Amino acid sequence: MVGQVLERGHSAVLITKVSNPDAGAKLLVLETKDSVGSLGDPALDAIVMPQAAAFLASRDETRMESVNEFAPEFPLARDTLLLFEQIQPSPRLVVCGAGHVGASLAKLAVFTGFQTTLIDDRAEFLNRQRFPELQIELVVADDWGSAVRDAVGNGRGVSVAVVTRGHNEDEKCMQAVMRAGPDYVGLIGSKRRTSIVIERLRETGVPEVQLNKIHAPIGLDIGAVTPEEVALAIISEIVAVRRGGSGAPLSAWRRAKK
């Protein structure tokens, strides 16, 4: 069942009872709130459902909890330990634009563990001589909108970096991206260039709440200059958003003490 969940691109929580009785019993709770299996007690299955939903919304990968922490009224609550585990498909990155930055970003994303799709409307930019990494899916776009929609799918677990060569390509990609609602969307360019694209999206009716989620200009400020450095700034921001990081130096506390 776990394999089927991953194949469909869904998320779920696997709950395992690690204390007796019924140690090893498992309950799989899908993001749709459907469930498969049992912890050995229907009452316990019902009690953990809200906890499973809260855990799925968190950024934790695993968590061990005593039932006493969230349902002290349950019989043997103190003696009942549960292991919660996130079941998530591999993170995906869709890169729109196979120029210098897009190429560097796609290669770095693979190294970082992302399933990567690289899209461009220039076939000569997408070949295996340039991208020998088979983990990078190469998509030649006859139409930017259709290619991006197909690549992003339902948006779950997907980050999108729009790093094309111009306003028109940016806007076509962003129109398609905003309809899908991926976990992360970033747009390369100066403050002026990105503001123009966002204003055009606003004029076409994209809700303000969605516009506020756009990371533009894309990436963290690391003083990047080269395409490889810009790619590093972008992937760093994507990981920070995915993992709930601040992007601040880990050593900041040391200077704050002084």
C-alpha atoms as a PDB file:
ATOM      1  CA  MET A   1       0.000   0.000   0.000  1.00  0.00           C
ATOM      2  CA  VAL A   2       2.874   2.372   0.791  1.00  0.00           C
ATOM      3  CA  GLY A   3       4.249   1.794  -2.705  1.00  0.00           C
ATOM      4  CA  GLN A   4       0.882   2.663  -4.245  1.00  0.00           C
ATOM      5  CA  VAL A   5       0.729   5.887  -2.216  1.00  0.00           C
ATOM      6  CA  LEU A   6       4.155   6.947  -3.487  1.00  0.00           C
ATOM      7  CA  GLU A   7       3.383   5.992  -7.096  1.00  0.00           C
ATOM      8  CA  ARG A   8       0.303   8.218  -7.017  1.00  0.00           C
ATOM      9  CA  GLY A   9       2.289  11.138  -5.607  1.00  0.00           C
ATOM     10  CA  HIS A  10       0.295  11.206  -2.395  1.00  0.00           C
ATOM     11  CA  SER A  11       1.422  11.768   1.185  1.00  0.00           C
ATOM     12  CA  ALA A  12       0.540   9.669   4.201  1.00  0.00           C
ATOM     13  CA  VAL A  13       1.446   8.906   7.801  1.00  0.00           C
ATOM     14  CA  LEU A  14       2.479   5.421   8.862  1.00  0.00           C
ATOM     15  CA  ILE A  15       1.755   4.840  12.555  1.00  0.00           C
ATOM     16  CA  THR A  16       3.353   1.840  14.243  1.00  0.00           C
ATOM     17  CA  LYS A  17       2.542   0.651  17.744  1.00  0.00           C
ATOM     18  CA  VAL A  18       5.859  -0.052  19.453  1.00  0.00           C
ATOM     19  CA  SER A  19       4.543  -1.201  22.840  1.00  0.00           C
ATOM     20  CA  ASN A  20       2.660  -4.321  23.889  1.00  0.00           C
ATOM     21  CA  PRO A  21       0.062  -5.527  23.388  1.00  0.00           C
ATOM     22  CA  ASP A  22      -0.088  -5.600  19.578  1.00  0.00           C
ATOM     23  CA  ALA A  23       3.439  -4.252  19.165  1.00  0.00           C
ATOM     24  CA  GLY A  24       4.164  -3.886  15.449  1.00  0.00           C
ATOM     25  CA  ALA A  25       0.549  -3.164  14.488  1.00  0.00           C
ATOM     26  CA  LYS A  26       0.371  -0.481  11.787  1.00  0.00           C
ATOM     27  CA  LEU A  27      -2.132   2.094  10.598  1.00  0.00           C
ATOM     28  CA  LEU A  28      -1.585   4.020   7.351  1.00  0.00           C
ATOM     29  CA  VAL A  29      -3.438   7.348   7.253  1.00  0.00           C
ATOM     30  CA  LEU A  30      -3.615   9.057   3.861  1.00  0.00           C
ATOM     31  CA  GLU A  31      -3.813  12.812   3.288  1.00  0.00           C
ATOM     32  CA  THR A  32      -7.397  12.184   2.141  1.00  0.00           C
ATOM     33  CA  LYS A  33      -8.072  10.935   5.718  1.00  0.00           C
ATOM     34  CA  ASP A  34      -8.704   7.421   4.428  1.00  0.00           C
ATOM     35  CA  SER A  35      -6.880   4.733   6.385  1.00  0.00           C
ATOM     36  CA  VAL A  36      -5.621   1.192   5.950  1.00  0.00           C
ATOM     37  CA  GLY A  37      -4.742  -1.257   8.721  1.00  0.00           C
ATOM     38  CA  SER A  38      -5.244  -1.023  12.473  1.00  0.00           C
ATOM     39  CA  LEU A  39      -3.325  -0.519  15.708  1.00  0.00           C
ATOM     40  CA  GLY A  40      -5.257  -3.403  17.207  1.00  0.00           C
ATOM     41  CA  ASP A  41      -8.002  -1.325  18.805  1.00  0.00           C
ATOM     42  CA  PRO A  42     -10.713   0.579  16.877  1.00  0.00           C
ATOM     43  CA  ALA A  43     -10.901   3.170  19.647  1.00  0.00           C
ATOM     44  CA  LEU A  44      -7.170   3.822  19.394  1.00  0.00           C
ATOM     45  CA  ASP A  45      -7.425   4.048  15.599  1.00  0.00           C
ATOM     46  CA  ALA A  46     -10.052   6.779  15.968  1.00  0.00           C
ATOM     47  CA  ILE A  47      -8.092   8.682  18.604  1.00  0.00           C
ATOM     48  CA  VAL A  48      -4.920   8.930  16.518  1.00  0.00           C
ATOM     49  CA  MET A  49      -6.597  10.282  13.368  1.00  0.00           C
ATOM     50  CA  PRO A  50      -6.435  13.994  14.380  1.00  0.00           C
ATOM     51  CA  GLN A  51      -2.858  13.464  15.570  1.00  0.00           C
ATOM     52  CA  ALA A  52      -1.962  11.912  12.216  1.00  0.00           C
ATOM     53  CA  ALA A  53      -3.382  14.932  10.370  1.00  0.00           C
ATOM     54  CA  ALA A  54      -1.389  17.319  12.564  1.00  0.00           C
ATOM     55  CA  PHE A  55       1.792  15.294  12.038  1.00  0.00           C
ATOM     56  CA  LEU A  56       1.272  15.239   8.271  1.00  0.00           C
ATOM     57  CA  ALA A  57       1.038  19.037   8.300  1.00  0.00           C
ATOM     58  CA  SER A  58       4.299  19.296  10.248  1.00  0.00           C
ATOM     59  CA  ARG A  59       7.805  19.126   8.791  1.00  0.00           C
ATOM     60  CA  ASP A  60       8.892  16.282  11.065  1.00  0.00           C
ATOM     61  CA  GLU A  61       9.956  13.073   9.360  1.00  0.00           C
ATOM     62  CA  THR A  62       9.479  10.847  12.417  1.00  0.00           C
ATOM     63  CA  ARG A  63       8.126  11.297  15.911  1.00  0.00           C
ATOM     64  CA  MET A  64       7.674   8.977  18.883  1.00  0.00           C
ATOM     65  CA  GLU A  65       4.713   9.793  21.112  1.00  0.00           C
ATOM     66  CA  SER A  66       2.961   8.350  24.102  1.00  0.00           C
ATOM     67  CA  VAL A  67      -0.806   8.320  23.719  1.00  0.00           C
ATOM     68  CA  ASN A  68      -0.862   9.990  27.118  1.00  0.00           C
ATOM     69  CA  GLU A  69       0.465  13.165  25.438  1.00  0.00           C
ATOM     70  CA  PHE A  70      -2.657  13.711  23.323  1.00  0.00           C
ATOM     71  CA  ALA A  71      -5.336  11.370  24.736  1.00  0.00           C
ATOM     72  CA  PRO A  72      -4.700  10.803  28.475  1.00  0.00           C
ATOM     73  CA  GLU A  73      -8.220   9.459  28.908  1.00  0.00           C
ATOM     74  CA  PHE A  74      -7.427   6.401  26.785  1.00  0.00           C
ATOM     75  CA  PRO A  75      -6.953   3.179  28.820  1.00  0.00           C
ATOM     76  CA  LEU A  76      -3.245   2.350  29.176  1.00  0.00           C
ATOM     77  CA  ALA A  77      -2.412   5.723  27.610  1.00  0.00           C
ATOM     78  CA  ARG A  78       0.857   5.995  29.533  1.00  0.00           C
ATOM     79  CA  ASP A  79       1.963   2.562  28.355  1.00  0.00           C
ATOM     80  CA  THR A  80       1.043   2.997  24.696  1.00  0.00           C
ATOM     81  CA  LEU A  81       3.877   4.256  22.487  1.00  0.00           C
ATOM     82  CA  LEU A  82       3.407   5.101  18.812  1.00  0.00           C
ATOM     83  CA  LEU A  83       5.915   5.839  16.072  1.00  0.00           C
ATOM     84  CA  PHE A  84       4.722   8.349  13.440  1.00  0.00           C
ATOM     85  CA  GLU A  85       6.530   8.369  10.074  1.00  0.00           C
ATOM     86  CA  GLN A  86       5.977  10.645   7.089  1.00  0.00           C
ATOM     87  CA  ILE A  87       5.434   8.831   3.785  1.00  0.00           C
ATOM     88  CA  GLN A  88       6.267  11.315   1.051  1.00  0.00           C
ATOM     89  CA  PRO A  89       7.159  10.928  -2.617  1.00  0.00           C
ATOM     90  CA  SER A  90      10.661  12.053  -3.550  1.00  0.00           C
ATOM     91  CA  PRO A  91      10.840  15.845  -3.859  1.00  0.00           C
ATOM     92  CA  ARG A  92      10.578  17.115  -7.421  1.00  0.00           C
ATOM     93  CA  LEU A  93      11.976  20.212  -9.050  1.00  0.00           C
ATOM     94  CA  VAL A  94      10.720  21.631 -12.324  1.00  0.00           C
ATOM     95  CA  VAL A  95      13.185  24.047 -13.916  1.00  0.00           C
ATOM     96  CA  CYS A  96      11.793  26.305 -16.632  1.00  0.00           C
ATOM     97  CA  GLY A  97      14.661  27.470 -18.812  1.00  0.00           C
ATOM     98  CA  ALA A  98      17.804  25.573 -19.807  1.00  0.00           C
ATOM     99  CA  GLY A  99      20.208  28.491 -20.009  1.00  0.00           C
ATOM    100  CA  HIS A 100      23.336  28.718 -17.884  1.00  0.00           C
ATOM    101  CA  VAL A 101      21.487  29.062 -14.567  1.00  0.00           C
ATOM    102  CA  GLY A 102      18.826  26.481 -15.423  1.00  0.00           C
ATOM    103  CA  ALA A 103      21.435  23.957 -16.484  1.00  0.00           C
ATOM    104  CA  SER A 104      23.469  24.458 -13.313  1.00  0.00           C
ATOM    105  CA  LEU A 105      20.328  24.275 -11.180  1.00  0.00           C
ATOM    106  CA  ALA A 106      19.127  21.019 -12.751  1.00  0.00           C
ATOM    107  CA  LYS A 107      22.489  19.349 -12.157  1.00  0.00           C
ATOM    108  CA  LEU A 108      22.712  20.577  -8.559  1.00  0.00           C
ATOM    109  CA  ALA A 109      19.131  19.519  -7.863  1.00  0.00           C
ATOM    110  CA  VAL A 110      19.894  15.939  -8.898  1.00  0.00           C
ATOM    111  CA  PHE A 111      22.909  15.928  -6.599  1.00  0.00           C
ATOM    112  CA  THR A 112      20.661  17.204  -3.779  1.00  0.00           C
ATOM    113  CA  GLY A 113      18.149  14.389  -4.266  1.00  0.00           C
ATOM    114  CA  PHE A 114      15.413  15.993  -6.352  1.00  0.00           C
ATOM    115  CA  GLN A 115      13.694  14.292  -9.250  1.00  0.00           C
ATOM    116  CA  THR A 116      14.280  16.972 -11.846  1.00  0.00           C
ATOM    117  CA  THR A 117      12.482  18.070 -14.993  1.00  0.00           C
ATOM    118  CA  LEU A 118      14.151  20.643 -17.251  1.00  0.00           C
ATOM    119  CA  ILE A 119      11.951  22.457 -19.776  1.00  0.00           C
ATOM    120  CA  ASP A 120      12.881  24.721 -22.674  1.00  0.00           C
ATOM    121  CA  ASP A 121      11.457  25.536 -26.097  1.00  0.00           C
ATOM    122  CA  ARG A 122      14.897  25.273 -27.706  1.00  0.00           C
ATOM    123  CA  ALA A 123      15.632  21.653 -28.572  1.00  0.00           C
ATOM    124  CA  GLU A 124      19.317  22.388 -29.133  1.00  0.00           C
ATOM    125  CA  PHE A 125      19.609  23.293 -25.433  1.00  0.00           C
ATOM    126  CA  LEU A 126      18.234  19.915 -24.324  1.00  0.00           C
ATOM    127  CA  ASN A 127      20.446  16.996 -25.272  1.00  0.00           C
ATOM    128  CA  ARG A 128      22.267  14.197 -23.486  1.00  0.00           C
ATOM    129  CA  GLN A 129      25.653  15.577 -24.456  1.00  0.00           C
ATOM    130  CA  ARG A 130      24.877  18.590 -22.305  1.00  0.00           C
ATOM    131  CA  PHE A 131      22.923  16.649 -19.684  1.00  0.00           C
ATOM    132  CA  PRO A 132      24.252  13.083 -19.390  1.00  0.00           C
ATOM    133  CA  GLU A 133      22.465  12.703 -16.041  1.00  0.00           C
ATOM    134  CA  LEU A 134      19.539  10.367 -16.704  1.00  0.00           C
ATOM    135  CA  GLN A 135      17.871  11.628 -13.526  1.00  0.00           C
ATOM    136  CA  ILE A 136      17.148  14.868 -15.397  1.00  0.00           C
ATOM    137  CA  GLU A 137      14.035  14.586 -17.551  1.00  0.00           C
ATOM    138  CA  LEU A 138      14.417  16.767 -20.643  1.00  0.00           C
ATOM    139  CA  VAL A 139      11.233  18.295 -22.050  1.00  0.00           C
ATOM    140  CA  VAL A 140      11.168  20.320 -25.269  1.00  0.00           C
ATOM    141  CA  ALA A 141       8.183  22.645 -25.012  1.00  0.00           C
ATOM    142  CA  ASP A 142       6.089  23.214 -28.098  1.00  0.00           C
ATOM    143  CA  ASP A 143       3.894  25.216 -25.748  1.00  0.00           C
ATOM    144  CA  TRP A 144       5.254  26.480 -22.424  1.00  0.00           C
ATOM    145  CA  GLY A 145       1.909  26.347 -20.629  1.00  0.00           C
ATOM    146  CA  SER A 146       1.114  22.750 -21.514  1.00  0.00           C
ATOM    147  CA  ALA A 147       4.640  21.532 -20.823  1.00  0.00           C
ATOM    148  CA  VAL A 148       4.733  23.190 -17.401  1.00  0.00           C
ATOM    149  CA  ARG A 149       1.262  21.959 -16.407  1.00  0.00           C
ATOM    150  CA  ASP A 150       2.160  18.392 -17.349  1.00  0.00           C
ATOM    151  CA  ALA A 151       5.420  18.560 -15.410  1.00  0.00           C
ATOM    152  CA  VAL A 152       3.994  20.136 -12.251  1.00  0.00           C
ATOM    153  CA  GLY A 153       0.931  17.889 -12.067  1.00  0.00           C
ATOM    154  CA  ASN A 154      -1.035  18.385  -8.844  1.00  0.00           C
ATOM    155  CA  GLY A 155       1.836  20.348  -7.289  1.00  0.00           C
ATOM    156  CA  ARG A 156       2.317  18.096  -4.247  1.00  0.00           C
ATOM    157  CA  GLY A 157       5.973  17.834  -3.315  1.00  0.00           C
ATOM    158  CA  VAL A 158       6.908  19.970  -6.316  1.00  0.00           C
ATOM    159  CA  SER A 159       9.108  23.063  -6.445  1.00  0.00           C
ATOM    160  CA  VAL A 160       9.274  25.210  -9.571  1.00  0.00           C
ATOM    161  CA  ALA A 161      12.089  27.550 -10.580  1.00  0.00           C
ATOM    162  CA  VAL A 162      11.300  29.850 -13.498  1.00  0.00           C
ATOM    163  CA  VAL A 163      14.649  30.928 -14.952  1.00  0.00           C
ATOM    164  CA  THR A 164      13.824  31.567 -18.611  1.00  0.00           C
ATOM    165  CA  ARG A 165      15.397  34.071 -20.978  1.00  0.00           C
ATOM    166  CA  GLY A 166      12.649  36.724 -21.075  1.00  0.00           C
ATOM    167  CA  HIS A 167       9.409  38.301 -19.852  1.00  0.00           C
ATOM    168  CA  ASN A 168       7.153  36.461 -22.289  1.00  0.00           C
ATOM    169  CA  GLU A 169       8.511  33.033 -21.386  1.00  0.00           C
ATOM    170  CA  ASP A 170       8.387  33.906 -17.679  1.00  0.00           C
ATOM    171  CA  GLU A 171       4.754  34.921 -17.888  1.00  0.00           C
ATOM    172  CA  LYS A 172       3.667  31.839 -19.826  1.00  0.00           C
ATOM    173  CA  CYS A 173       5.355  29.578 -17.281  1.00  0.00           C
ATOM    174  CA  MET A 174       4.045  31.469 -14.281  1.00  0.00           C
ATOM    175  CA  GLN A 175       0.456  31.414 -15.553  1.00  0.00           C
ATOM    176  CA  ALA A 176       0.626  27.620 -15.721  1.00  0.00           C
ATOM    177  CA  VAL A 177       2.454  27.287 -12.405  1.00  0.00           C
ATOM    178  CA  MET A 178       0.013  29.404 -10.423  1.00  0.00           C
ATOM    179  CA  ARG A 179      -2.900  27.216 -11.475  1.00  0.00           C
ATOM    180  CA  ALA A 180      -1.158  24.113 -10.115  1.00  0.00           C
ATOM    181  CA  GLY A 181      -0.177  25.541  -6.724  1.00  0.00           C
ATOM    182  CA  PRO A 182       3.193  23.808  -6.157  1.00  0.00           C
ATOM    183  CA  ASP A 183       4.894  23.813  -2.755  1.00  0.00           C
ATOM    184  CA  TYR A 184       7.418  26.388  -3.939  1.00  0.00           C
ATOM    185  CA  VAL A 185       7.621  28.743  -6.888  1.00  0.00           C
ATOM    186  CA  GLY A 186      10.477  31.115  -7.603  1.00  0.00           C
ATOM    187  CA  LEU A 187      11.094  33.586 -10.424  1.00  0.00           C
ATOM    188  CA  ILE A 188      14.527  34.829 -11.477  1.00  0.00           C
ATOM    189  CA  GLY A 189      15.218  38.423 -12.428  1.00  0.00           C
ATOM    190  CA  SER A 190      15.658  41.897 -11.019  1.00  0.00           C
ATOM    191  CA  LYS A 191      13.073  43.457  -8.699  1.00  0.00           C
ATOM    192  CA  ARG A 192      11.745  45.431 -11.669  1.00  0.00           C
ATOM    193  CA  ARG A 193      11.522  42.461 -14.041  1.00  0.00           C
ATOM    194  CA  THR A 194       9.864  40.175 -11.504  1.00  0.00           C
ATOM    195  CA  SER A 195       7.461  42.934 -10.435  1.00  0.00           C
ATOM    196  CA  ILE A 196       6.309  43.360 -14.039  1.00  0.00           C
ATOM    197  CA  VAL A 197       5.542  39.653 -14.360  1.00  0.00           C
ATOM    198  CA  ILE A 198       3.721  39.531 -11.008  1.00  0.00           C
ATOM    199  CA  GLU A 199       1.649  42.589 -11.922  1.00  0.00           C
ATOM    200  CA  ARG A 200       0.602  40.905 -15.172  1.00  0.00           C
ATOM    201  CA  LEU A 201      -0.425  37.828 -13.205  1.00  0.00           C
ATOM    202  CA  ARG A 202      -2.456  40.049 -10.895  1.00  0.00           C
ATOM    203  CA  GLU A 203      -4.193  41.633 -13.897  1.00  0.00           C
ATOM    204  CA  THR A 204      -5.229  38.179 -15.144  1.00  0.00           C
ATOM    205  CA  GLY A 205      -6.936  37.414 -11.834  1.00  0.00           C
ATOM    206  CA  VAL A 206      -4.369  35.401  -9.899  1.00  0.00           C
ATOM    207  CA  PRO A 207      -5.394  35.799  -6.216  1.00  0.00           C
ATOM    208  CA  GLU A 208      -3.193  37.948  -4.002  1.00  0.00           C
ATOM    209  CA  VAL A 209      -2.673  35.075  -1.570  1.00  0.00           C
ATOM    210  CA  GLN A 210      -1.002  33.095  -4.360  1.00  0.00           C
ATOM    211  CA  LEU A 211       1.064  36.028  -5.577  1.00  0.00           C
ATOM    212  CA  ASN A 212       2.443  36.472  -2.065  1.00  0.00           C
ATOM    213  CA  LYS A 213       3.864  32.948  -2.192  1.00  0.00           C
ATOM    214  CA  ILE A 214       6.108  33.713  -5.172  1.00  0.00           C
ATOM    215  CA  HIS A 215       9.802  33.960  -4.291  1.00  0.00           C
ATOM    216  CA  ALA A 216      10.956  36.772  -6.554  1.00  0.00           C
ATOM    217  CA  PRO A 217      13.754  37.475  -7.051  1.00  0.00           C
ATOM    218  CA  ILE A 218      14.465  33.813  -6.491  1.00  0.00           C
ATOM    219  CA  GLY A 219      17.091  32.490  -4.076  1.00  0.00           C
ATOM    220  CA  LEU A 220      18.900  33.417  -0.874  1.00  0.00           C
ATOM    221  CA  ASP A 221      21.309  36.342  -0.749  1.00  0.00           C
ATOM    222  CA  ILE A 222      24.733  34.680  -0.750  1.00  0.00           C
ATOM    223  CA  GLY A 223      26.352  37.221  -3.071  1.00  0.00           C
ATOM    224  CA  ALA A 224      26.077  34.805  -6.001  1.00  0.00           C
ATOM    225  CA  VAL A 225      27.740  35.829  -9.270  1.00  0.00           C
ATOM    226  CA  THR A 226      28.368  32.755 -11.430  1.00  0.00           C
ATOM    227  CA  PRO A 227      25.560  30.509 -12.748  1.00  0.00           C
ATOM    228  CA  GLU A 228      26.697  27.784 -10.364  1.00  0.00           C
ATOM    229  CA  GLU A 229      26.547  30.162  -7.400  1.00  0.00           C
ATOM    230  CA  VAL A 230      23.100  31.395  -8.432  1.00  0.00           C
ATOM    231  CA  ALA A 231      21.956  27.771  -8.648  1.00  0.00           C
ATOM    232  CA  LEU A 232      23.299  27.197  -5.134  1.00  0.00           C
ATOM    233  CA  ALA A 233      21.376  30.225  -3.849  1.00  0.00           C
ATOM    234  CA  ILE A 234      18.186  28.903  -5.453  1.00  0.00           C
ATOM    235  CA  ILE A 235      18.456  25.310  -4.235  1.00  0.00           C
ATOM    236  CA  SER A 236      19.328  26.602  -0.751  1.00  0.00           C
ATOM    237  CA  GLU A 237      16.098  28.582  -0.625  1.00  0.00           C
ATOM    238  CA  ILE A 238      14.071  25.632  -1.923  1.00  0.00           C
ATOM    239  CA  VAL A 239      15.529  23.336   0.750  1.00  0.00           C
ATOM    240  CA  ALA A 240      14.953  25.979   3.443  1.00  0.00           C
ATOM    241  CA  VAL A 241      11.281  26.286   2.469  1.00  0.00           C
ATOM    242  CA  ARG A 242      10.851  22.520   2.285  1.00  0.00           C
ATOM    243  CA  ARG A 243      12.550  21.860   5.613  1.00  0.00           C
ATOM    244  CA  GLY A 244      11.293  24.912   7.467  1.00  0.00           C
ATOM    245  CA  GLY A 245      14.704  26.559   7.741  1.00  0.00           C
ATOM    246  CA  SER A 246      15.283  30.284   8.165  1.00  0.00           C
ATOM    247  CA  GLY A 247      18.269  30.628   5.847  1.00  0.00           C
ATOM    248  CA  ALA A 248      20.131  32.457   8.622  1.00  0.00           C
ATOM    249  CA  PRO A 249      23.736  31.560   9.585  1.00  0.00           C
ATOM    250  CA  LEU A 250      23.877  28.793  12.180  1.00  0.00           C
ATOM    251  CA  SER A 251      26.605  30.751  13.933  1.00  0.00           C
ATOM    252  CA  ALA A 252      24.472  33.877  14.488  1.00  0.00           C
ATOM    253  CA  TRP A 253      23.832  32.945  18.146  1.00  0.00           C
ATOM    254  CA  ARG A 254      27.550  33.205  18.888  1.00  0.00           C
ATOM    255  CA  ARG A 255      27.790  36.825  17.761  1.00  0.00           C
ATOM    256  CA  ALA A 256      24.471  37.675  19.428  1.00  0.00           C
ATOM    257  CA  LYS A 257      25.922  36.640  22.811  1.00  0.00           C
ATOM    258  CA  LYS A 258      28.570  39.314  22.465  1.00  0.00           C
END
